[in-house]
């Protein structure tokens, strides 16, 4: 499967998160061309600040592999990882991270900082941002517009 096709699976997880009232972020872990784990945000449902889609997908992938080391794996996620998730990806030794929307407020793959490629860390996964960015961003904008009681318009909100 292509990066785009695998990001579509992550988008399905993000849509499921939105349907459950969660911030619409989805993640998929792939190894040897097969999906070994997938997850959606569960922070609200689980009342757990660490229950981000990436973190849950890494936990599930580790259970499948039987190791905390996820070398040979690629993580696909609909939103640029935050500091917590970027740190977990480095510690898990994931080979590659592919994400959709950039996160100008908390992204740690180049937006606010870059934990994933920090030169002093012992592992640096390859990073590809912007895959299915339009769809990933639209899901987030729609979710937050609906929560704020506004009709969704497929254009960015003006800066305040």
N, C-alpha and C. Protein backbone atom coordinates (compact mmCIF):
# COMPACT_ATOMS: atom_id res chain seq x y z
N UNK A 1 0.84 -1.19 0.00
CA UNK A 1 0.00 0.00 0.00
C UNK A 1 0.89 1.25 0.00
N UNK A 2 0.39 2.31 -0.58
CA UNK A 2 1.12 3.57 -0.64
C UNK A 2 0.92 4.37 0.65
N UNK A 3 1.77 5.39 0.83
CA UNK A 3 1.60 6.27 1.98
C UNK A 3 0.20 6.86 2.01
N UNK A 4 -0.29 7.26 0.86
CA UNK A 4 -1.62 7.86 0.78
C UNK A 4 -2.71 6.86 1.21
N UNK A 5 -2.60 5.63 0.74
CA UNK A 5 -3.59 4.61 1.10
C UNK A 5 -3.56 4.31 2.60
N UNK A 6 -2.37 4.25 3.16
CA UNK A 6 -2.26 3.99 4.59
C UNK A 6 -2.74 5.18 5.42
N UNK A 7 -2.54 6.38 4.90
CA UNK A 7 -3.07 7.55 5.59
C UNK A 7 -4.61 7.53 5.56
N UNK A 8 -5.19 6.97 4.53
CA UNK A 8 -6.66 6.83 4.48
C UNK A 8 -7.15 5.96 5.64
N UNK A 9 -6.40 4.92 5.98
CA UNK A 9 -6.76 4.07 7.12
C UNK A 9 -6.68 4.90 8.41
N UNK A 10 -5.64 5.70 8.54
CA UNK A 10 -5.52 6.58 9.71
C UNK A 10 -6.67 7.58 9.74
N UNK A 11 -7.07 8.09 8.59
CA UNK A 11 -8.22 9.01 8.53
C UNK A 11 -9.51 8.32 8.97
N UNK A 12 -9.67 7.05 8.64
CA UNK A 12 -10.84 6.30 9.13
C UNK A 12 -10.84 6.26 10.65
N UNK A 13 -9.67 6.05 11.25
CA UNK A 13 -9.56 6.06 12.71
C UNK A 13 -9.89 7.45 13.27
N UNK A 14 -9.43 8.49 12.59
CA UNK A 14 -9.71 9.85 13.03
C UNK A 14 -11.22 10.14 12.97
N UNK A 15 -11.87 9.67 11.93
CA UNK A 15 -13.33 9.86 11.82
C UNK A 15 -14.05 9.13 12.96
N UNK A 16 -13.57 7.95 13.30
CA UNK A 16 -14.17 7.21 14.41
C UNK A 16 -13.97 7.96 15.73
N UNK A 17 -12.81 8.58 15.90
CA UNK A 17 -12.57 9.38 17.10
C UNK A 17 -13.56 10.53 17.17
N UNK A 18 -13.75 11.24 16.05
CA UNK A 18 -14.68 12.37 16.01
C UNK A 18 -16.10 11.91 16.35
N UNK A 19 -16.51 10.79 15.81
CA UNK A 19 -17.85 10.26 16.07
C UNK A 19 -18.05 9.95 17.55
N UNK A 20 -16.95 9.66 18.25
CA UNK A 20 -17.02 9.36 19.68
C UNK A 20 -16.79 10.60 20.55
N UNK A 21 -16.68 11.78 19.91
CA UNK A 21 -16.49 13.01 20.65
C UNK A 21 -15.05 13.33 20.98
N UNK A 22 -14.12 12.61 20.38
CA UNK A 22 -12.69 12.82 20.60
C UNK A 22 -12.13 13.72 19.51
N UNK A 23 -11.03 14.39 19.80
CA UNK A 23 -10.32 15.14 18.76
C UNK A 23 -9.96 14.13 17.66
N UNK A 24 -10.30 14.43 16.41
CA UNK A 24 -10.15 13.45 15.33
C UNK A 24 -8.71 13.24 14.87
N UNK A 25 -8.03 12.37 15.60
CA UNK A 25 -6.68 11.96 15.22
C UNK A 25 -6.66 10.44 15.19
N UNK A 26 -6.10 9.90 14.12
CA UNK A 26 -5.98 8.46 13.98
C UNK A 26 -4.56 8.08 13.62
N UNK A 27 -4.16 6.87 14.01
CA UNK A 27 -2.81 6.40 13.74
C UNK A 27 -2.82 4.93 13.34
N UNK A 28 -1.83 4.57 12.53
CA UNK A 28 -1.67 3.20 12.03
C UNK A 28 -0.19 2.87 12.08
N UNK A 29 0.15 1.65 12.52
CA UNK A 29 1.53 1.18 12.49
C UNK A 29 1.63 0.06 11.46
N UNK A 30 2.63 0.19 10.60
CA UNK A 30 2.85 -0.77 9.52
C UNK A 30 4.23 -1.40 9.66
N UNK A 31 4.28 -2.71 9.45
CA UNK A 31 5.56 -3.42 9.44
C UNK A 31 5.53 -4.46 8.33
N UNK A 32 6.57 -4.49 7.54
CA UNK A 32 6.67 -5.42 6.41
C UNK A 32 5.45 -5.34 5.49
N UNK A 33 4.95 -4.13 5.30
CA UNK A 33 3.85 -3.90 4.39
C UNK A 33 2.46 -4.24 4.93
N UNK A 34 2.39 -4.65 6.19
CA UNK A 34 1.09 -5.01 6.79
C UNK A 34 0.78 -4.10 7.97
N UNK A 35 -0.49 -3.77 8.11
CA UNK A 35 -0.94 -3.00 9.27
C UNK A 35 -0.93 -3.93 10.48
N UNK A 36 -0.18 -3.55 11.51
CA UNK A 36 -0.13 -4.37 12.72
C UNK A 36 -0.86 -3.72 13.90
N UNK A 37 -1.19 -2.43 13.77
CA UNK A 37 -1.93 -1.75 14.84
C UNK A 37 -2.58 -0.51 14.27
N UNK A 38 -3.71 -0.15 14.85
CA UNK A 38 -4.40 1.09 14.50
C UNK A 38 -5.13 1.58 15.73
N UNK A 39 -5.26 2.90 15.83
CA UNK A 39 -5.90 3.48 17.02
C UNK A 39 -6.40 4.88 16.71
N UNK A 40 -7.35 5.29 17.53
CA UNK A 40 -7.90 6.65 17.49
C UNK A 40 -7.71 7.27 18.86
N UNK A 41 -7.72 8.59 18.92
CA UNK A 41 -7.63 9.28 20.21
C UNK A 41 -8.69 8.73 21.17
N UNK A 42 -8.30 8.58 22.45
CA UNK A 42 -9.23 8.11 23.49
C UNK A 42 -9.05 8.91 24.79
N UNK A 43 -8.50 10.11 24.70
CA UNK A 43 -8.22 10.86 25.92
C UNK A 43 -9.47 11.16 26.74
N UNK A 44 -10.55 11.51 26.07
CA UNK A 44 -11.80 11.84 26.77
C UNK A 44 -12.46 10.57 27.28
N UNK A 45 -12.60 9.58 26.42
CA UNK A 45 -13.27 8.34 26.82
C UNK A 45 -12.54 7.64 27.96
N UNK A 46 -11.22 7.65 27.92
CA UNK A 46 -10.45 6.97 28.95
C UNK A 46 -10.05 7.90 30.10
N UNK A 47 -10.31 9.20 29.94
CA UNK A 47 -9.86 10.19 30.93
C UNK A 47 -8.37 9.98 31.22
N UNK A 48 -7.61 9.91 30.12
CA UNK A 48 -6.18 9.62 30.18
C UNK A 48 -5.45 10.58 29.24
N UNK A 49 -4.64 11.49 29.78
CA UNK A 49 -3.96 12.45 28.92
C UNK A 49 -2.92 11.82 27.99
N UNK A 50 -2.55 10.57 28.24
CA UNK A 50 -1.59 9.90 27.36
C UNK A 50 -2.26 9.06 26.28
N UNK A 51 -3.56 9.04 26.22
CA UNK A 51 -4.28 8.17 25.28
C UNK A 51 -4.43 8.82 23.90
N UNK A 52 -3.31 9.34 23.40
CA UNK A 52 -3.28 9.86 22.03
C UNK A 52 -3.22 8.68 21.06
N UNK A 53 -3.70 8.90 19.86
CA UNK A 53 -3.75 7.83 18.86
C UNK A 53 -2.38 7.19 18.66
N UNK A 54 -1.33 8.01 18.57
CA UNK A 54 0.02 7.47 18.34
C UNK A 54 0.44 6.55 19.48
N UNK A 55 0.23 7.01 20.71
CA UNK A 55 0.63 6.25 21.89
C UNK A 55 -0.10 4.91 21.94
N UNK A 56 -1.40 4.94 21.68
CA UNK A 56 -2.19 3.71 21.70
C UNK A 56 -1.76 2.75 20.58
N UNK A 57 -1.47 3.30 19.42
CA UNK A 57 -1.03 2.47 18.30
C UNK A 57 0.33 1.85 18.60
N UNK A 58 1.23 2.61 19.23
CA UNK A 58 2.54 2.06 19.60
C UNK A 58 2.39 0.92 20.61
N UNK A 59 1.53 1.11 21.59
CA UNK A 59 1.29 0.05 22.59
C UNK A 59 0.78 -1.22 21.92
N UNK A 60 -0.20 -1.06 21.03
CA UNK A 60 -0.78 -2.22 20.34
C UNK A 60 0.26 -2.89 19.45
N UNK A 61 1.07 -2.10 18.75
CA UNK A 61 2.10 -2.66 17.88
C UNK A 61 3.14 -3.41 18.70
N UNK A 62 3.52 -2.88 19.84
CA UNK A 62 4.49 -3.55 20.70
C UNK A 62 3.95 -4.90 21.17
N UNK A 63 2.66 -4.97 21.46
CA UNK A 63 2.05 -6.24 21.86
C UNK A 63 2.09 -7.25 20.72
N UNK A 64 1.86 -6.79 19.50
CA UNK A 64 1.89 -7.68 18.34
C UNK A 64 3.31 -8.18 18.09
N UNK A 65 4.28 -7.28 18.14
CA UNK A 65 5.68 -7.61 17.85
C UNK A 65 6.32 -8.38 19.01
N UNK A 66 5.83 -8.14 20.22
CA UNK A 66 6.41 -8.78 21.40
C UNK A 66 7.66 -8.07 21.90
N UNK A 67 7.76 -6.79 21.56
CA UNK A 67 8.92 -6.00 21.97
C UNK A 67 8.55 -4.53 21.98
N UNK A 68 9.24 -3.77 22.84
CA UNK A 68 9.05 -2.33 22.84
C UNK A 68 9.78 -1.69 21.68
N UNK A 69 10.72 -2.39 21.10
CA UNK A 69 11.47 -1.86 19.95
C UNK A 69 10.67 -2.10 18.68
N UNK A 70 10.33 -1.03 18.03
CA UNK A 70 9.51 -1.13 16.81
C UNK A 70 10.31 -0.78 15.57
N UNK A 71 11.59 -1.19 15.55
CA UNK A 71 12.37 -0.97 14.34
C UNK A 71 11.72 -1.77 13.21
N UNK A 72 11.81 -1.21 12.01
CA UNK A 72 11.15 -1.81 10.87
C UNK A 72 9.71 -1.35 10.70
N UNK A 73 9.26 -0.47 11.59
CA UNK A 73 7.87 0.01 11.55
C UNK A 73 7.79 1.46 11.06
N UNK A 74 6.64 1.75 10.46
CA UNK A 74 6.29 3.12 10.08
C UNK A 74 4.99 3.46 10.79
N UNK A 75 4.93 4.65 11.37
CA UNK A 75 3.69 5.15 11.97
C UNK A 75 3.10 6.19 11.06
N UNK A 76 1.81 6.02 10.74
CA UNK A 76 1.04 7.00 9.98
C UNK A 76 0.07 7.65 10.95
N UNK A 77 0.04 8.97 10.97
CA UNK A 77 -0.85 9.68 11.90
C UNK A 77 -1.39 10.93 11.20
N UNK A 78 -2.62 11.28 11.49
CA UNK A 78 -3.28 12.37 10.78
C UNK A 78 -2.85 13.76 11.23
N UNK A 79 -2.19 13.87 12.37
CA UNK A 79 -1.74 15.16 12.89
C UNK A 79 -0.29 15.04 13.33
N UNK A 80 0.48 16.06 13.07
CA UNK A 80 1.88 16.10 13.50
C UNK A 80 1.97 15.74 14.99
N UNK A 81 2.85 14.81 15.35
CA UNK A 81 2.94 14.38 16.75
C UNK A 81 3.34 15.50 17.71
N UNK A 82 2.77 15.42 18.91
CA UNK A 82 3.11 16.35 20.00
C UNK A 82 4.42 15.89 20.64
N UNK A 83 4.88 16.61 21.65
CA UNK A 83 6.14 16.28 22.32
C UNK A 83 6.09 14.89 22.94
N UNK A 84 4.99 14.55 23.60
CA UNK A 84 4.88 13.24 24.24
C UNK A 84 4.97 12.12 23.21
N UNK A 85 4.21 12.25 22.15
CA UNK A 85 4.17 11.19 21.13
C UNK A 85 5.47 11.13 20.34
N UNK A 86 6.05 12.28 20.04
CA UNK A 86 7.34 12.30 19.34
C UNK A 86 8.41 11.61 20.18
N UNK A 87 8.41 11.88 21.48
CA UNK A 87 9.35 11.20 22.36
C UNK A 87 9.15 9.70 22.38
N UNK A 88 7.90 9.27 22.43
CA UNK A 88 7.61 7.83 22.41
C UNK A 88 8.05 7.19 21.10
N UNK A 89 7.88 7.90 20.00
CA UNK A 89 8.30 7.37 18.70
C UNK A 89 9.81 7.19 18.64
N UNK A 90 10.55 8.14 19.20
CA UNK A 90 12.00 8.03 19.26
C UNK A 90 12.40 6.85 20.14
N UNK A 91 11.80 6.76 21.32
CA UNK A 91 12.15 5.68 22.25
C UNK A 91 11.79 4.30 21.70
N UNK A 92 10.73 4.22 20.90
CA UNK A 92 10.30 2.94 20.32
C UNK A 92 11.15 2.56 19.11
N UNK A 93 12.00 3.46 18.66
CA UNK A 93 12.88 3.21 17.52
C UNK A 93 12.12 2.98 16.22
N UNK A 94 10.98 3.66 16.08
CA UNK A 94 10.22 3.59 14.83
C UNK A 94 11.10 4.12 13.70
N UNK A 95 11.09 3.44 12.57
CA UNK A 95 11.95 3.84 11.44
C UNK A 95 11.47 5.10 10.74
N UNK A 96 10.15 5.24 10.65
CA UNK A 96 9.61 6.32 9.82
C UNK A 96 8.30 6.80 10.40
N UNK A 97 8.06 8.12 10.29
CA UNK A 97 6.81 8.75 10.72
C UNK A 97 6.26 9.53 9.55
N UNK A 98 5.00 9.24 9.21
CA UNK A 98 4.30 9.95 8.13
C UNK A 98 3.07 10.59 8.76
N UNK A 99 2.92 11.91 8.58
CA UNK A 99 1.76 12.57 9.17
C UNK A 99 1.05 13.45 8.16
N UNK A 100 -0.18 13.80 8.51
CA UNK A 100 -1.02 14.61 7.63
C UNK A 100 -0.89 16.09 7.92
N UNK A 101 -1.72 16.60 8.82
CA UNK A 101 -1.78 18.03 9.11
C UNK A 101 -0.62 18.47 10.00
N UNK A 102 -0.11 19.65 9.73
CA UNK A 102 0.88 20.28 10.58
C UNK A 102 0.16 20.86 11.79
N UNK A 103 0.82 20.90 12.94
CA UNK A 103 0.24 21.44 14.16
C UNK A 103 1.09 22.60 14.65
N UNK A 104 0.66 23.81 14.28
CA UNK A 104 1.43 25.02 14.61
C UNK A 104 1.45 25.36 16.10
N UNK A 105 0.60 24.68 16.90
CA UNK A 105 0.56 24.97 18.33
C UNK A 105 1.31 23.96 19.17
N UNK A 106 1.44 22.71 18.69
CA UNK A 106 2.07 21.69 19.53
C UNK A 106 2.92 20.69 18.75
N UNK A 107 3.06 20.86 17.47
CA UNK A 107 3.76 19.88 16.64
C UNK A 107 5.25 19.82 16.90
N UNK A 108 5.75 18.60 17.04
CA UNK A 108 7.17 18.40 17.34
C UNK A 108 7.89 17.61 16.24
N UNK A 109 7.45 17.87 15.00
CA UNK A 109 8.14 17.30 13.84
C UNK A 109 8.51 18.43 12.89
N UNK A 110 8.67 19.63 13.46
CA UNK A 110 9.08 20.76 12.66
C UNK A 110 8.30 22.03 12.90
N UNK A 111 7.08 21.96 13.42
CA UNK A 111 6.28 23.17 13.60
C UNK A 111 6.73 24.00 14.78
N UNK A 112 6.65 23.45 15.99
CA UNK A 112 7.06 24.16 17.20
C UNK A 112 8.51 23.80 17.54
N UNK A 113 8.83 22.57 17.36
CA UNK A 113 10.16 22.03 17.61
C UNK A 113 10.30 20.77 16.76
N UNK A 114 11.40 20.05 16.95
CA UNK A 114 11.59 18.85 16.15
C UNK A 114 12.29 17.78 16.98
N UNK A 115 11.54 17.16 17.86
CA UNK A 115 12.06 16.07 18.67
C UNK A 115 12.44 14.89 17.79
N UNK A 116 11.64 14.63 16.77
CA UNK A 116 11.87 13.45 15.94
C UNK A 116 13.24 13.46 15.26
N UNK A 117 13.74 14.64 14.95
CA UNK A 117 15.03 14.72 14.25
C UNK A 117 16.08 15.48 15.05
N UNK A 118 15.91 15.52 16.36
CA UNK A 118 16.86 16.25 17.20
C UNK A 118 18.24 15.59 17.11
N UNK A 119 19.26 16.36 16.79
CA UNK A 119 20.58 15.77 16.54
C UNK A 119 21.25 15.12 17.77
N UNK A 120 20.81 15.44 18.97
CA UNK A 120 21.44 14.87 20.16
C UNK A 120 20.78 13.58 20.62
N UNK A 121 19.65 13.23 20.04
CA UNK A 121 18.99 11.99 20.45
C UNK A 121 19.62 10.80 19.73
N UNK A 122 19.49 9.63 20.32
CA UNK A 122 20.15 8.44 19.79
C UNK A 122 19.41 7.80 18.62
N UNK A 123 18.20 8.24 18.34
CA UNK A 123 17.44 7.69 17.22
C UNK A 123 16.68 8.82 16.54
N UNK A 124 16.69 8.82 15.24
CA UNK A 124 15.97 9.84 14.46
C UNK A 124 15.24 9.15 13.32
N UNK A 125 13.92 9.00 13.44
CA UNK A 125 13.18 8.39 12.34
C UNK A 125 13.13 9.33 11.13
N UNK A 126 12.95 8.74 9.97
CA UNK A 126 12.67 9.54 8.78
C UNK A 126 11.28 10.14 8.97
N UNK A 127 11.06 11.35 8.48
CA UNK A 127 9.79 12.03 8.68
C UNK A 127 9.27 12.55 7.35
N UNK A 128 7.99 12.31 7.10
CA UNK A 128 7.31 12.82 5.91
C UNK A 128 6.02 13.49 6.38
N UNK A 129 5.93 14.80 6.24
CA UNK A 129 4.73 15.52 6.64
C UNK A 129 3.90 15.92 5.44
N UNK A 130 2.64 16.20 5.70
CA UNK A 130 1.76 16.73 4.67
C UNK A 130 1.04 15.71 3.81
N UNK A 131 1.12 14.43 4.14
CA UNK A 131 0.41 13.40 3.37
C UNK A 131 -1.06 13.43 3.79
N UNK A 132 -1.95 13.68 2.85
CA UNK A 132 -3.39 13.84 3.12
C UNK A 132 -3.63 15.00 4.10
N UNK A 133 -2.82 16.04 3.98
CA UNK A 133 -2.94 17.18 4.88
C UNK A 133 -4.28 17.89 4.74
N UNK A 134 -4.79 18.02 3.54
CA UNK A 134 -6.06 18.72 3.33
C UNK A 134 -7.19 18.01 4.07
N UNK A 135 -7.26 16.69 3.91
CA UNK A 135 -8.32 15.91 4.56
C UNK A 135 -8.16 15.90 6.08
N UNK A 136 -6.92 15.75 6.53
CA UNK A 136 -6.65 15.73 7.97
C UNK A 136 -7.01 17.07 8.61
N UNK A 137 -6.62 18.15 7.97
CA UNK A 137 -6.93 19.49 8.49
C UNK A 137 -8.42 19.76 8.48
N UNK A 138 -9.10 19.33 7.41
CA UNK A 138 -10.54 19.55 7.31
C UNK A 138 -11.28 18.84 8.45
N UNK A 139 -10.88 17.63 8.78
CA UNK A 139 -11.51 16.91 9.90
C UNK A 139 -11.37 17.69 11.20
N UNK A 140 -10.18 18.19 11.44
CA UNK A 140 -9.94 18.96 12.66
C UNK A 140 -10.73 20.27 12.68
N UNK A 141 -10.71 21.00 11.57
CA UNK A 141 -11.46 22.26 11.50
C UNK A 141 -12.94 22.03 11.71
N UNK A 142 -13.49 21.02 11.06
CA UNK A 142 -14.92 20.71 11.20
C UNK A 142 -15.25 20.35 12.64
N UNK A 143 -14.44 19.51 13.25
CA UNK A 143 -14.66 19.09 14.63
C UNK A 143 -14.71 20.29 15.56
N UNK A 144 -13.72 21.16 15.48
CA UNK A 144 -13.66 22.30 16.38
C UNK A 144 -14.71 23.36 16.04
N UNK A 145 -15.05 23.52 14.78
CA UNK A 145 -16.13 24.45 14.41
C UNK A 145 -17.46 23.99 15.00
N UNK A 146 -17.73 22.70 14.93
CA UNK A 146 -18.97 22.17 15.49
C UNK A 146 -18.98 22.31 17.01
N UNK A 147 -17.85 22.12 17.64
CA UNK A 147 -17.78 22.27 19.10
C UNK A 147 -17.99 23.72 19.52
N UNK A 148 -17.62 24.64 18.65
CA UNK A 148 -17.80 26.06 18.95
C UNK A 148 -19.16 26.56 18.51
N UNK A 149 -19.97 25.67 17.93
CA UNK A 149 -21.31 26.04 17.51
C UNK A 149 -21.38 26.79 16.20
N UNK A 150 -20.34 26.69 15.39
CA UNK A 150 -20.35 27.36 14.09
C UNK A 150 -20.56 26.33 12.99
N UNK A 151 -21.11 26.80 11.90
CA UNK A 151 -21.20 25.94 10.73
C UNK A 151 -19.80 25.74 10.18
N UNK A 152 -19.58 24.55 9.66
CA UNK A 152 -18.27 24.24 9.08
C UNK A 152 -18.16 24.85 7.70
N UNK A 153 -17.08 25.58 7.50
CA UNK A 153 -16.75 26.12 6.19
C UNK A 153 -15.34 25.62 5.90
N UNK A 154 -15.13 25.07 4.73
CA UNK A 154 -13.84 24.46 4.42
C UNK A 154 -12.79 25.50 4.06
N UNK A 155 -12.60 26.46 4.96
CA UNK A 155 -11.53 27.44 4.84
C UNK A 155 -10.95 27.65 6.23
N UNK A 156 -9.70 28.00 6.31
CA UNK A 156 -9.10 28.21 7.63
C UNK A 156 -9.78 29.36 8.36
N UNK A 157 -9.83 29.25 9.68
CA UNK A 157 -10.38 30.34 10.48
C UNK A 157 -9.40 31.48 10.53
N UNK A 158 -9.90 32.72 10.58
CA UNK A 158 -8.97 33.85 10.66
C UNK A 158 -8.23 33.84 11.99
N UNK A 159 -7.01 34.33 11.95
CA UNK A 159 -6.20 34.40 13.18
C UNK A 159 -6.82 35.43 14.10
N UNK A 160 -6.77 35.13 15.40
CA UNK A 160 -7.33 36.07 16.38
C UNK A 160 -6.25 36.70 17.20
